[in-house]
Amino acid sequence: MLRIGIVGLLQESNTFIEARTTRRHFQEDLLLRGEAIREAMAGAPHEVGGFFEELGKVGSEVVAVPLFLARALPYGVIDRGAFEELVGELLESVAGAGHLDGILAAPHGATVAEGHPDADGYWLGALRRAIGAEMPVIATLDPHANLSPEMVAATTALVAYCTNPHLDQRETGRRAARLLLDTLRGEIRPVQAAVFPSMAINIRVQNTSEPPLSLFCEEAAILASKEGILSHSLLFGFPYADVAEMGSSVLVVADGDPVLARDTAAAMASRMWERREEFEPVQLDVGASLAEARSREARPVVLLDMGDNVGGGSPADSTAIVQAWFREGAEGRLFICLHDPSVVRAAVAAGTGGVIEGRVGDSREPVVGNFRVRSLHEGTFFESEARHGGFSVFDQGQTAVLEREGTGLVILATSLRMAPFSLAQLTSCGLDPTEFDWIVAKGVIAPMAAYAPVARGGFVHVDSPGVTRADMTKLDYVYRRRPMFPFKR
């Protein structure tokens, strides 16, 4: 009987945010041990759910041993004490698990902690030292990973999701589990190689179902179709982490042939570099984006607020698009979700049907006026379909639906930050997305999976200001590699 340990520690960390991610942020999302992991994740569209599914197909021959899982919504760098405490708990869970034959691990690949800029490489390396050199470790990655040589050295094989929006997380977990089982049975001998071209693909074009990235993904798949290639991963990178590892990379896993792995990865990296100019899009500022949205006949149009991308760690309170909408005449009905706990408290005090006079959103440029409280909600909702991030249960805290009097503006004010990964964020609060002309979704690619069914006027990417602005050349990096495309120096 094979005993397979399951561990995970995931967060996408934005180093341009002053605030720190603390243990509380993990507790608000996922901080689980033992069988609680199976109960919460076995049915989830997440890589850990895929681990359980694939191992469960084998029957009594294999036992899945869930040990430790921690995940926090993208935000600032993780507090050093909290991170080292979490890593210590992960290692303790492995040490106390008894005999294990292999480990399935779920890092993110773009986690940063105080004192540990390559946080994923740090904890995977600590795991490797704890279990020794022989035990196979197969780990999954988000394709936004800033891959490091340390991550590669610490694992037997790394397997990234293939899609963005991330709709194949569960399948990626299954693929990782199959690799581990085949390795333990002696059917394959994975060896991996990574190549790091000096470039970063702009986050605006990281949609794997649209050119130009879809064309590169097709090329890479052809290169990986050679006999002996077990897996290939395209890592696009996470630009909001100012670390030496920031950037795009490729990784190939071959069956016992390191030269094949290295040469195939090099060929993919070469094609990525040759296409680099294609990965720099034309960006539309807020005014130009609104003009583009107004030019479209079908409604609603979804405005993707890239500068306040919650999935990239932003505060979820920017009103830049709303303010521009007001300046240009406040045409039609506009929806936006804003994180503002104090306004929610005021709405609760006023009650449904009440009116509050206030300032909503970013304190530097809030939406000011009288707001009627349309409804109040607990803020928990569920998603039955595979959506970006592998979430099925969401909690945005106590929530208020507000309508600014005299305008068509509707604000969903939340007590907890929440990424727009599910239409249920609106429908669970009694809102019909099709009642709006414009919907602001605070993201880049991730919200498209959720909003595509209602975005009759399509999507407009807005190069809005903020800590997740789409033009990475305007961010103040200190630690990134130099030279690097598209930076001029």
Protein backbone atom coordinates (compact mmCIF):
# COMPACT_ATOMS: atom_id res chain seq x y z
CA MET A 1 0.00 0.00 0.00
CA LEU A 2 1.32 3.44 -0.96
CA ARG A 3 0.81 6.37 1.41
CA ILE A 4 0.82 9.76 -0.33
CA GLY A 5 1.10 12.95 1.71
CA ILE A 6 -0.74 16.08 0.55
CA VAL A 7 0.48 19.56 1.51
CA GLY A 8 -0.06 23.07 0.20
CA LEU A 9 0.90 26.67 0.95
CA LEU A 10 -0.36 29.19 -1.60
CA GLN A 11 -0.52 32.93 -1.98
CA GLU A 12 0.20 35.41 -4.76
CA SER A 13 2.12 38.22 -3.06
CA ASN A 14 2.19 41.84 -4.29
CA THR A 15 5.36 43.56 -3.10
CA PHE A 16 4.08 46.99 -4.19
CA ILE A 17 1.50 46.93 -1.38
CA GLU A 18 2.69 48.29 1.96
CA ALA A 19 0.26 46.19 4.00
CA ARG A 20 1.31 42.69 5.02
CA THR A 21 -0.46 39.38 4.67
CA THR A 22 -0.87 37.90 8.15
CA ARG A 23 -2.01 34.60 9.57
CA ARG A 24 -5.50 36.08 9.81
CA HIS A 25 -5.69 36.30 6.01
CA PHE A 26 -5.03 32.56 5.76
CA GLN A 27 -7.63 31.88 8.44
CA GLU A 28 -10.17 33.90 6.43
CA ASP A 29 -9.52 31.70 3.38
CA LEU A 30 -8.03 28.24 4.08
CA LEU A 31 -5.97 26.99 6.99
CA LEU A 32 -6.67 23.27 7.32
CA ARG A 33 -5.07 20.13 8.68
CA GLY A 34 -5.71 16.43 8.32
CA GLU A 35 -9.10 15.13 7.26
CA ALA A 36 -10.55 18.66 7.24
CA ILE A 37 -8.62 19.12 3.98
CA ARG A 38 -10.38 16.17 2.39
CA GLU A 39 -13.77 17.38 3.59
CA ALA A 40 -13.25 20.88 2.20
CA MET A 41 -11.34 20.15 -1.00
CA ALA A 42 -12.14 16.68 -2.35
CA GLY A 43 -14.94 18.02 -4.52
CA ALA A 44 -13.42 21.42 -5.29
CA PRO A 45 -12.26 22.52 -8.77
CA HIS A 46 -8.78 22.94 -7.30
CA GLU A 47 -5.56 21.02 -7.77
CA VAL A 48 -5.89 19.53 -4.29
CA GLY A 49 -9.31 18.21 -5.31
CA GLY A 50 -7.60 16.65 -8.32
CA PHE A 51 -5.06 14.98 -6.04
CA PHE A 52 -7.84 13.25 -4.11
CA GLU A 53 -9.78 12.26 -7.22
CA GLU A 54 -6.86 10.61 -9.00
CA LEU A 55 -5.53 8.83 -5.91
CA GLY A 56 -9.05 7.63 -5.14
CA LYS A 57 -9.31 5.86 -8.48
CA VAL A 58 -6.68 3.32 -7.44
CA GLY A 59 -8.64 1.88 -4.55
CA SER A 60 -7.03 0.34 -1.48
CA GLU A 61 -3.63 0.22 -3.19
CA VAL A 62 -3.12 3.92 -2.40
CA VAL A 63 -4.00 6.01 0.65
CA ALA A 64 -4.20 9.80 0.39
CA VAL A 65 -2.86 11.35 3.60
CA PRO A 66 -3.96 15.01 3.83
CA LEU A 67 -1.57 16.88 6.10
CA PHE A 68 -1.55 20.68 5.77
CA LEU A 69 -3.14 23.29 3.50
CA ALA A 70 -2.91 27.07 3.80
CA ARG A 71 -4.14 29.61 1.26
CA ALA A 72 -4.73 33.36 1.36
CA LEU A 73 -6.25 35.73 -1.17
CA PRO A 74 -3.56 37.70 -3.06
CA TYR A 75 -2.34 40.67 -1.01
CA GLY A 76 0.91 42.07 0.33
CA VAL A 77 4.10 40.25 1.28
CA ILE A 78 3.54 37.65 4.03
CA ASP A 79 4.65 38.67 7.50
CA ARG A 80 7.87 36.82 8.29
CA GLY A 81 6.71 35.40 11.58
CA ALA A 82 3.44 34.19 10.11
CA PHE A 83 5.16 32.58 7.12
CA GLU A 84 7.81 30.78 9.14
CA GLU A 85 5.13 29.60 11.54
CA LEU A 86 3.09 28.17 8.66
CA VAL A 87 6.13 26.46 7.15
CA GLY A 88 6.95 25.01 10.56
CA GLU A 89 3.44 23.61 10.89
CA LEU A 90 3.64 22.11 7.40
CA LEU A 91 6.92 20.38 8.22
CA GLU A 92 5.57 19.17 11.56
CA SER A 93 2.59 17.62 9.80
CA VAL A 94 4.91 15.71 7.47
CA ALA A 95 7.14 14.59 10.33
CA GLY A 96 4.13 13.30 12.25
CA ALA A 97 2.54 11.47 9.34
CA GLY A 98 4.42 8.22 9.73
CA HIS A 99 5.74 6.41 6.68
CA LEU A 100 5.11 8.20 3.38
CA ASP A 101 6.01 6.95 -0.08
CA GLY A 102 5.61 10.27 -1.89
CA ILE A 103 4.24 13.78 -1.59
CA LEU A 104 1.87 15.85 -3.70
CA ALA A 105 2.50 19.54 -3.01
CA ALA A 106 0.57 22.66 -3.99
CA PRO A 107 2.68 25.83 -3.94
CA HIS A 108 1.62 28.86 -5.96
CA GLY A 109 4.94 29.94 -7.42
CA ALA A 110 4.62 33.69 -6.78
CA THR A 111 4.63 33.77 -2.99
CA VAL A 112 6.86 36.31 -1.24
CA ALA A 113 7.48 36.57 2.50
CA GLU A 114 9.55 39.00 4.52
CA GLY A 115 13.09 37.66 4.46
CA HIS A 116 12.13 35.00 1.88
CA PRO A 117 11.64 36.58 -1.56
CA ASP A 118 11.43 33.10 -3.13
CA ALA A 119 9.03 31.81 -0.52
CA ASP A 120 7.93 28.80 -2.59
CA GLY A 121 11.52 27.75 -3.18
CA TYR A 122 12.18 28.19 0.52
CA TRP A 123 9.40 25.94 1.78
CA LEU A 124 9.81 23.33 -0.96
CA GLY A 125 13.53 23.23 -0.16
CA ALA A 126 12.79 22.85 3.54
CA LEU A 127 10.42 20.00 2.72
CA ARG A 128 13.05 18.30 0.59
CA ARG A 129 15.65 18.54 3.34
CA ALA A 130 13.17 17.13 5.84
CA ILE A 131 12.22 14.05 3.79
CA GLY A 132 15.56 13.39 2.12
CA ALA A 133 16.64 13.19 -1.49
CA GLU A 134 14.91 9.96 -2.50
CA MET A 135 11.21 10.50 -1.85
CA PRO A 136 9.40 11.78 -4.98
CA VAL A 137 7.68 15.15 -4.68
CA ILE A 138 5.37 16.23 -7.50
CA ALA A 139 4.13 19.80 -7.18
CA THR A 140 1.62 21.94 -9.06
CA LEU A 141 2.12 25.58 -10.03
CA ASP A 142 -0.01 28.51 -11.07
CA PRO A 143 1.18 29.71 -14.51
CA HIS A 144 1.66 33.14 -12.93
CA ALA A 145 4.58 31.61 -11.04
CA ASN A 146 7.90 33.40 -10.94
CA LEU A 147 9.75 30.11 -11.25
CA SER A 148 13.09 29.69 -9.47
CA PRO A 149 15.92 27.16 -9.75
CA GLU A 150 15.28 26.36 -6.08
CA MET A 151 11.72 25.21 -6.83
CA VAL A 152 13.03 22.99 -9.62
CA ALA A 153 15.83 21.52 -7.49
CA ALA A 154 13.49 20.71 -4.59
CA THR A 155 10.95 18.73 -6.61
CA THR A 156 10.86 15.62 -8.75
CA ALA A 157 8.51 17.34 -11.20
CA LEU A 158 6.53 20.57 -11.41
CA VAL A 159 3.25 20.75 -13.33
CA ALA A 160 1.49 24.07 -14.04
CA TYR A 161 -2.10 24.73 -15.01
CA CYS A 162 -2.46 25.11 -18.78
CA THR A 163 -5.22 27.72 -18.85
CA ASN A 164 -5.77 31.34 -17.91
CA PRO A 165 -8.46 31.92 -16.72
CA HIS A 166 -7.50 28.89 -14.62
CA LEU A 167 -10.19 26.36 -15.47
CA ASP A 168 -8.02 23.22 -15.39
CA GLN A 169 -6.77 23.30 -11.81
CA ARG A 170 -8.47 20.05 -10.85
CA GLU A 171 -7.17 18.36 -14.01
CA THR A 172 -3.67 19.65 -13.18
CA GLY A 173 -3.94 17.98 -9.78
CA ARG A 174 -4.94 14.75 -11.48
CA ARG A 175 -1.98 15.00 -13.87
CA ALA A 176 0.40 15.55 -10.97
CA ALA A 177 -1.03 12.57 -9.09
CA ARG A 178 -0.68 10.33 -12.15
CA LEU A 179 2.96 11.35 -12.51
CA LEU A 180 3.60 10.48 -8.88
CA LEU A 181 1.86 7.11 -9.09
CA ASP A 182 3.70 6.17 -12.29
CA THR A 183 6.97 7.20 -10.65
CA LEU A 184 6.34 5.11 -7.55
CA ARG A 185 5.45 2.09 -9.68
CA GLY A 186 8.73 2.41 -11.53
CA GLU A 187 7.02 3.07 -14.87
CA ILE A 188 8.70 6.46 -15.40
CA ARG A 189 11.74 8.36 -14.09
CA PRO A 190 10.96 12.08 -14.27
CA VAL A 191 13.75 14.59 -14.87
CA GLN A 192 13.04 18.27 -15.40
CA ALA A 193 14.69 21.31 -16.92
CA ALA A 194 13.75 24.98 -16.86
CA VAL A 195 14.84 27.89 -19.03
CA PHE A 196 14.49 31.54 -18.03
CA PRO A 197 14.48 33.96 -21.00
CA SER A 198 15.07 37.54 -19.90
CA MET A 199 11.53 38.73 -20.51
CA ALA A 200 8.14 39.12 -18.88
CA ILE A 201 4.86 38.60 -20.74
CA ASN A 202 2.47 41.47 -20.04
CA ILE A 203 -0.42 40.37 -17.86
CA ARG A 204 -2.92 41.97 -20.27
CA VAL A 205 -2.18 39.29 -22.91
CA GLN A 206 -1.95 36.28 -20.58
CA ASN A 207 -5.21 34.81 -21.89
CA THR A 208 -4.43 31.31 -23.14
CA SER A 209 -7.55 31.17 -25.33
CA GLU A 210 -6.75 34.33 -27.31
CA PRO A 211 -3.85 35.37 -29.56
CA PRO A 212 -1.04 36.05 -29.18
CA LEU A 213 -0.60 33.71 -26.21
CA SER A 214 -2.84 30.98 -27.59
CA LEU A 215 -0.59 30.75 -30.66
CA PHE A 216 2.51 30.33 -28.51
CA CYS A 217 0.75 27.70 -26.39
CA GLU A 218 -0.03 25.75 -29.56
CA GLU A 219 3.61 25.95 -30.67
CA ALA A 220 4.80 24.74 -27.28
CA ALA A 221 2.39 21.80 -27.36
CA ILE A 222 3.81 20.72 -30.73
CA LEU A 223 7.37 20.93 -29.38
CA ALA A 224 6.29 18.86 -26.36
CA SER A 225 4.71 16.12 -28.47
CA LYS A 226 8.01 14.26 -28.78
CA GLU A 227 8.24 10.75 -27.39
CA GLY A 228 9.65 10.82 -23.89
CA ILE A 229 8.17 14.18 -22.83
CA LEU A 230 5.95 13.71 -19.79
CA SER A 231 4.85 17.29 -19.20
CA HIS A 232 5.56 20.87 -20.17
CA SER A 233 4.67 24.05 -18.30
CA LEU A 234 4.54 27.63 -19.51
CA LEU A 235 5.05 30.10 -16.68
CA PHE A 236 4.00 33.60 -17.68
CA GLY A 237 5.14 35.25 -14.45
CA PHE A 238 3.60 37.59 -11.88
CA PRO A 239 4.75 41.18 -12.47
CA TYR A 240 3.65 42.54 -9.10
CA ALA A 241 6.39 40.74 -7.18
CA ASP A 242 9.62 42.73 -7.22
CA VAL A 243 11.96 39.77 -6.84
CA ALA A 244 14.92 38.45 -8.82
CA GLU A 245 12.78 35.57 -10.09
CA MET A 246 10.10 37.82 -11.64
CA GLY A 247 9.53 36.95 -15.29
CA SER A 248 8.43 34.30 -17.76
CA SER A 249 9.91 30.81 -18.04
CA VAL A 250 9.33 27.33 -19.41
CA LEU A 251 9.75 23.94 -17.76
CA VAL A 252 9.81 20.47 -19.33
CA VAL A 253 9.63 17.07 -17.62
CA ALA A 254 11.05 14.11 -19.56
CA ASP A 255 11.23 10.40 -18.83
CA GLY A 256 14.81 9.74 -17.75
CA ASP A 257 16.37 11.97 -20.43
CA PRO A 258 17.76 15.26 -19.07
CA VAL A 259 19.09 16.28 -22.49
CA LEU A 260 15.64 15.91 -24.05
CA ALA A 261 14.11 17.96 -21.23
CA ARG A 262 16.75 20.69 -21.54
CA ASP A 263 16.67 20.91 -25.35
CA THR A 264 12.88 20.98 -25.51
CA ALA A 265 12.67 23.69 -22.85
CA ALA A 266 15.32 25.69 -24.70
CA ALA A 267 13.36 25.44 -27.95
CA MET A 268 10.19 26.68 -26.23
CA ALA A 269 12.06 29.55 -24.57
CA SER A 270 13.54 30.52 -27.92
CA ARG A 271 10.08 30.75 -29.49
CA MET A 272 8.83 32.77 -26.52
CA TRP A 273 11.70 35.23 -26.97
CA GLU A 274 11.14 35.49 -30.72
CA ARG A 275 7.50 36.42 -30.07
CA ARG A 276 8.30 38.92 -27.31
CA GLU A 277 7.08 42.01 -29.19
CA GLU A 278 3.66 40.37 -29.61
CA PHE A 279 3.29 40.19 -25.84
CA GLU A 280 3.30 44.00 -25.44
CA PRO A 281 -0.30 45.19 -26.03
CA VAL A 282 -1.69 48.62 -26.75
CA GLN A 283 -3.18 49.85 -23.47
CA LEU A 284 -6.32 52.01 -23.17
CA ASP A 285 -6.48 54.49 -20.30
CA VAL A 286 -9.70 55.04 -18.38
CA GLY A 287 -11.12 57.69 -20.71
CA ALA A 288 -10.33 55.76 -23.89
CA SER A 289 -11.77 52.59 -22.35
CA LEU A 290 -15.08 54.27 -21.55
CA ALA A 291 -15.23 55.65 -25.08
CA GLU A 292 -14.64 52.16 -26.45
CA ALA A 293 -17.35 50.73 -24.19
CA ARG A 294 -19.87 53.40 -25.27
CA SER A 295 -19.20 52.60 -28.92
CA ARG A 296 -20.53 49.07 -28.51
CA GLU A 297 -24.22 48.50 -29.18
CA ALA A 298 -24.74 45.40 -27.07
CA ARG A 299 -24.90 45.68 -23.27
CA PRO A 300 -23.66 45.01 -20.70
CA VAL A 301 -20.01 45.75 -21.39
CA VAL A 302 -17.60 44.49 -18.72
CA LEU A 303 -14.85 46.98 -17.86
CA LEU A 304 -11.83 45.11 -16.51
CA ASP A 305 -10.23 47.37 -13.89
CA MET A 306 -6.63 46.19 -14.27
CA GLY A 307 -5.13 48.70 -11.83
CA ASP A 308 -7.31 47.37 -9.00
CA ASN A 309 -6.95 43.67 -9.80
CA VAL A 310 -8.02 41.87 -6.62
CA GLY A 311 -6.52 38.64 -7.95
CA GLY A 312 -3.19 40.50 -8.07
CA GLY A 313 -3.43 41.69 -4.47
CA SER A 314 -5.06 45.11 -4.86
CA PRO A 315 -7.25 46.72 -2.16
CA ALA A 316 -10.50 46.42 -4.18
CA ASP A 317 -11.56 49.98 -3.42
CA SER A 318 -10.53 52.05 -6.45
CA THR A 319 -13.20 54.37 -7.82
CA ALA A 320 -11.17 55.59 -10.84
CA ILE A 321 -13.60 54.20 -13.42
CA VAL A 322 -16.67 55.48 -11.53
CA GLN A 323 -15.18 58.97 -11.24
CA ALA A 324 -14.46 59.07 -14.98
CA TRP A 325 -17.99 57.81 -15.67
CA PHE A 326 -19.39 60.72 -13.62
CA ARG A 327 -17.15 63.24 -15.38
CA GLU A 328 -18.38 62.04 -18.75
CA GLY A 329 -22.09 62.28 -17.97
CA ALA A 330 -22.93 59.13 -15.96
CA GLU A 331 -24.73 57.51 -18.87
CA GLY A 332 -26.72 54.33 -18.21
CA ARG A 333 -26.48 51.98 -15.25
CA LEU A 334 -23.10 51.04 -13.81
CA PHE A 335 -22.21 48.31 -11.30
CA ILE A 336 -19.08 48.13 -9.17
CA CYS A 337 -18.00 46.10 -6.13
CA LEU A 338 -15.99 48.00 -3.50
CA HIS A 339 -14.36 46.79 -0.30
CA ASP A 340 -15.48 49.23 2.39
CA PRO A 341 -16.29 47.72 5.82
CA SER A 342 -17.19 51.07 7.41
CA VAL A 343 -19.84 51.78 4.79
CA VAL A 344 -21.27 48.29 5.27
CA ARG A 345 -21.58 48.98 8.99
CA ALA A 346 -23.39 52.25 8.26
CA ALA A 347 -25.73 50.46 5.85
CA VAL A 348 -26.54 47.82 8.45
CA ALA A 349 -27.32 50.56 10.97
CA ALA A 350 -29.62 52.30 8.46
CA GLY A 351 -31.34 49.05 7.47
CA THR A 352 -32.84 47.97 4.17
CA GLY A 353 -34.62 50.92 2.55
CA GLY A 354 -32.68 53.42 4.60
CA VAL A 355 -30.46 56.16 3.20
CA ILE A 356 -26.90 56.86 4.24
CA GLU A 357 -24.93 59.98 3.45
CA GLY A 358 -21.37 58.97 2.96
CA ARG A 359 -18.17 58.40 1.11
CA VAL A 360 -17.68 54.96 -0.46
CA GLY A 361 -14.43 53.40 -1.63
CA ASP A 362 -10.86 54.69 -1.72
CA SER A 363 -10.55 57.38 0.96
CA ARG A 364 -8.36 59.46 -1.39
CA GLU A 365 -11.09 59.65 -4.05
CA PRO A 366 -14.34 58.25 -2.68
CA VAL A 367 -17.76 58.24 -4.31
CA VAL A 368 -19.68 60.87 -2.35
CA GLY A 369 -23.44 61.19 -2.04
CA ASN A 370 -26.63 59.78 -0.61
CA PHE A 371 -26.97 56.03 -0.99
CA ARG A 372 -30.16 54.03 -0.61
CA VAL A 373 -29.67 50.61 0.98
CA ARG A 374 -31.33 48.20 -1.45
CA SER A 375 -30.51 45.05 0.50
CA LEU A 376 -28.19 43.48 3.08
CA HIS A 377 -26.56 40.04 2.91
CA GLU A 378 -24.31 37.73 4.91
CA GLY A 379 -21.89 37.55 1.97
CA THR A 380 -21.41 33.81 1.60
CA PHE A 381 -22.04 32.37 -1.86
CA PHE A 382 -21.29 29.28 -3.89
CA GLU A 383 -20.10 28.49 -7.42
CA SER A 384 -20.96 25.16 -9.03
CA GLU A 385 -18.89 25.61 -12.20
CA ALA A 386 -15.11 25.50 -12.63
CA ARG A 387 -13.94 29.09 -12.32
CA HIS A 388 -10.60 30.84 -11.98
CA GLY A 389 -8.83 30.11 -8.71
CA GLY A 390 -10.46 26.78 -7.95
CA PHE A 391 -12.93 28.34 -5.52
CA SER A 392 -16.36 26.86 -4.89
CA VAL A 393 -17.22 28.56 -1.58
CA PHE A 394 -16.80 32.33 -1.20
CA ASP A 395 -17.13 34.66 1.78
CA GLN A 396 -16.99 38.42 1.26
CA GLY A 397 -18.31 39.18 4.73
CA GLN A 398 -21.39 41.22 5.49
CA THR A 399 -22.45 42.94 2.28
CA ALA A 400 -24.66 45.88 1.32
CA VAL A 401 -26.20 46.70 -2.05
CA LEU A 402 -26.26 50.48 -2.38
CA GLU A 403 -27.75 52.74 -5.06
CA ARG A 404 -26.53 56.31 -5.31
CA GLU A 405 -29.59 58.49 -5.47
CA GLY A 406 -30.15 60.36 -8.70
CA THR A 407 -27.83 58.14 -10.76
CA GLY A 408 -27.66 54.65 -12.21
CA LEU A 409 -24.75 53.64 -9.98
CA VAL A 410 -25.12 50.45 -7.93
CA ILE A 411 -22.36 49.53 -5.48
CA LEU A 412 -21.86 46.14 -3.85
CA ALA A 413 -20.02 47.11 -0.66
CA THR A 414 -18.25 44.24 1.10
CA SER A 415 -16.64 43.73 4.49
CA LEU A 416 -13.94 41.40 3.12
CA ARG A 417 -12.01 41.77 -0.15
CA MET A 418 -13.31 39.41 -2.80
CA ALA A 419 -12.09 38.76 -6.33
CA PRO A 420 -14.74 38.73 -9.11
CA PHE A 421 -14.44 35.03 -9.89
CA SER A 422 -18.16 34.17 -9.82
CA LEU A 423 -21.39 35.76 -11.04
CA ALA A 424 -22.93 34.47 -7.83
CA GLN A 425 -21.24 37.43 -6.17
CA LEU A 426 -24.04 39.47 -7.78
CA THR A 427 -26.89 36.99 -8.11
CA SER A 428 -26.64 35.86 -4.47
CA CYS A 429 -27.40 39.47 -3.55
CA GLY A 430 -30.45 39.65 -5.81
CA LEU A 431 -28.70 41.48 -8.65
CA ASP A 432 -29.26 40.59 -12.29
CA PRO A 433 -26.03 41.40 -14.19
CA THR A 434 -27.99 42.06 -17.37
CA GLU A 435 -29.78 45.03 -15.76
CA PHE A 436 -26.58 47.06 -16.14
CA ASP A 437 -24.99 48.80 -19.11
CA TRP A 438 -21.53 48.71 -17.58
CA ILE A 439 -20.07 46.24 -15.10
CA VAL A 440 -16.71 46.99 -13.48
CA ALA A 441 -14.83 43.77 -12.69
CA LYS A 442 -11.61 44.25 -10.78
CA GLY A 443 -9.28 41.94 -12.66
CA VAL A 444 -7.56 41.26 -15.97
CA ILE A 445 -8.17 37.77 -17.35
CA ALA A 446 -9.58 35.88 -14.36
CA PRO A 447 -13.09 37.47 -14.33
CA MET A 448 -13.70 36.61 -17.98
CA ALA A 449 -14.64 33.01 -17.18
CA ALA A 450 -17.36 34.16 -14.79
CA TYR A 451 -18.70 37.12 -16.78
CA ALA A 452 -18.56 35.73 -20.33
CA PRO A 453 -22.16 34.38 -20.17
CA VAL A 454 -23.58 37.88 -19.59
CA ALA A 455 -21.02 40.15 -21.29
CA ARG A 456 -23.09 40.70 -24.43
CA GLY A 457 -21.04 43.78 -25.26
CA GLY A 458 -17.77 42.01 -24.57
CA PHE A 459 -14.85 43.07 -22.40
CA VAL A 460 -12.75 46.24 -22.33
CA HIS A 461 -9.39 46.13 -20.56
CA VAL A 462 -8.82 49.38 -18.68
CA ASP A 463 -5.25 50.53 -17.96
CA SER A 464 -6.36 52.14 -14.72
CA PRO A 465 -4.01 53.44 -12.02
CA GLY A 466 -3.15 51.33 -8.99
CA VAL A 467 -0.79 48.78 -7.48
CA THR A 468 -1.67 46.29 -10.23
CA ARG A 469 -1.46 48.63 -13.20
CA ALA A 470 -1.09 46.74 -16.46
CA ASP A 471 1.94 48.68 -17.73
CA MET A 472 4.68 47.01 -15.70
CA THR A 473 7.30 49.42 -17.05
CA LYS A 474 5.74 52.09 -14.81
CA LEU A 475 6.31 50.08 -11.63
CA ASP A 476 9.35 50.89 -9.48
CA TYR A 477 11.33 47.64 -9.46
CA VAL A 478 14.52 47.25 -7.46
CA TYR A 479 15.30 43.53 -7.60
CA ARG A 480 14.19 42.32 -11.04
CA ARG A 481 16.72 40.95 -13.52
CA ARG A 482 18.46 43.40 -15.84
CA PRO A 483 18.32 43.65 -18.79
CA MET A 484 14.79 42.36 -19.27
CA PHE A 485 12.21 42.88 -21.99
CA PRO A 486 10.08 45.04 -22.14
CA PHE A 487 12.04 47.33 -19.82
CA LYS A 488 14.41 49.77 -21.46
CA ARG A 489 17.15 49.11 -18.91
